[in-house]
Amino acid sequence: MAPLRDEEVSGEAAAFVGVDGEACAGLGREAVGAGDPVDDGCDDESEGGEEIAADLVVDASGRGSPLKRWLAELGAPVMQEESESCGIFYCSRFYRILPEAKRPPMEGPIGGDLGYMKYAIFQGDSDIFSVTLAASPKDDELRRVRDPAVFDTVTRHLPPTRRWVDPAVSTPITDVYVYANLKNTRRHFVEDGEPRALGVYPIGDALLHANPIAGRGCTIGWLQAYLLADA
């Protein structure tokens, strides 16, 4: 489940010396002559922050990455970007099976497409599961599922999800998470075999992100991280 995964990863990262969670406000620049700009660290965003020296800056800041602007500030060539709307938004809520209840059987696929709306049930450990509803961002009526009360009403009327969200079976443990303004985006950090700058490397959604329905985001991010670690 995503919240647990994020907590575990951030906990492991915090165990390393020098990982303090401060936000970066920009990239440093090594004094170089002709050629590609060379990043030699990042600027601490905290009040009175100083430049943090680093041999390599890994941009794993997600789809809202400021790298394009930071590179421009370094005087690097413009990082080209291709982007288009996914035409969908998602709402998810997490639940826990009650101690005295029995987990409903999963019969058939974990989700389905009703034409006007998609739904899915994702099972996790520790008796936790989530229900996701998805629809077109242009559908004003279905956008109301962002409201927890409306979300609960919909999930209790859908036959596949009804048994799972029955108050006698489970209880919500989160609010309704909304994933909107989703885009398929590819950023060209390397063009014609040349990086936009040296000493900085974007991975995961900061470099490439696509419709979550394909389930590729985590896979791409982990593969890029492993390849970078082996480089």
Foldseek 3Di string as FASTA:
>chain_A
DVVVVVVVVVVVVVVDPPDDPFDFPAFDFDDDDDDATATQFTFGPDVVTGTDGDQAAEAAPAQVDPVQVRLVVSVFPGWDKDKDFPQKKKKKFKKAWDPVADADDQDDAQWDDPPAKIKGKADDPPRMIMIMIMGGPVPPVVVVCLQVVNVLVVLCPDVNRVVVPPPNTIDTPDHMDMGDPDMFMAIPQDDPNRGRHHRYHYFFNNGTDDDCVVVCRVVRRVVVVVVVVVD
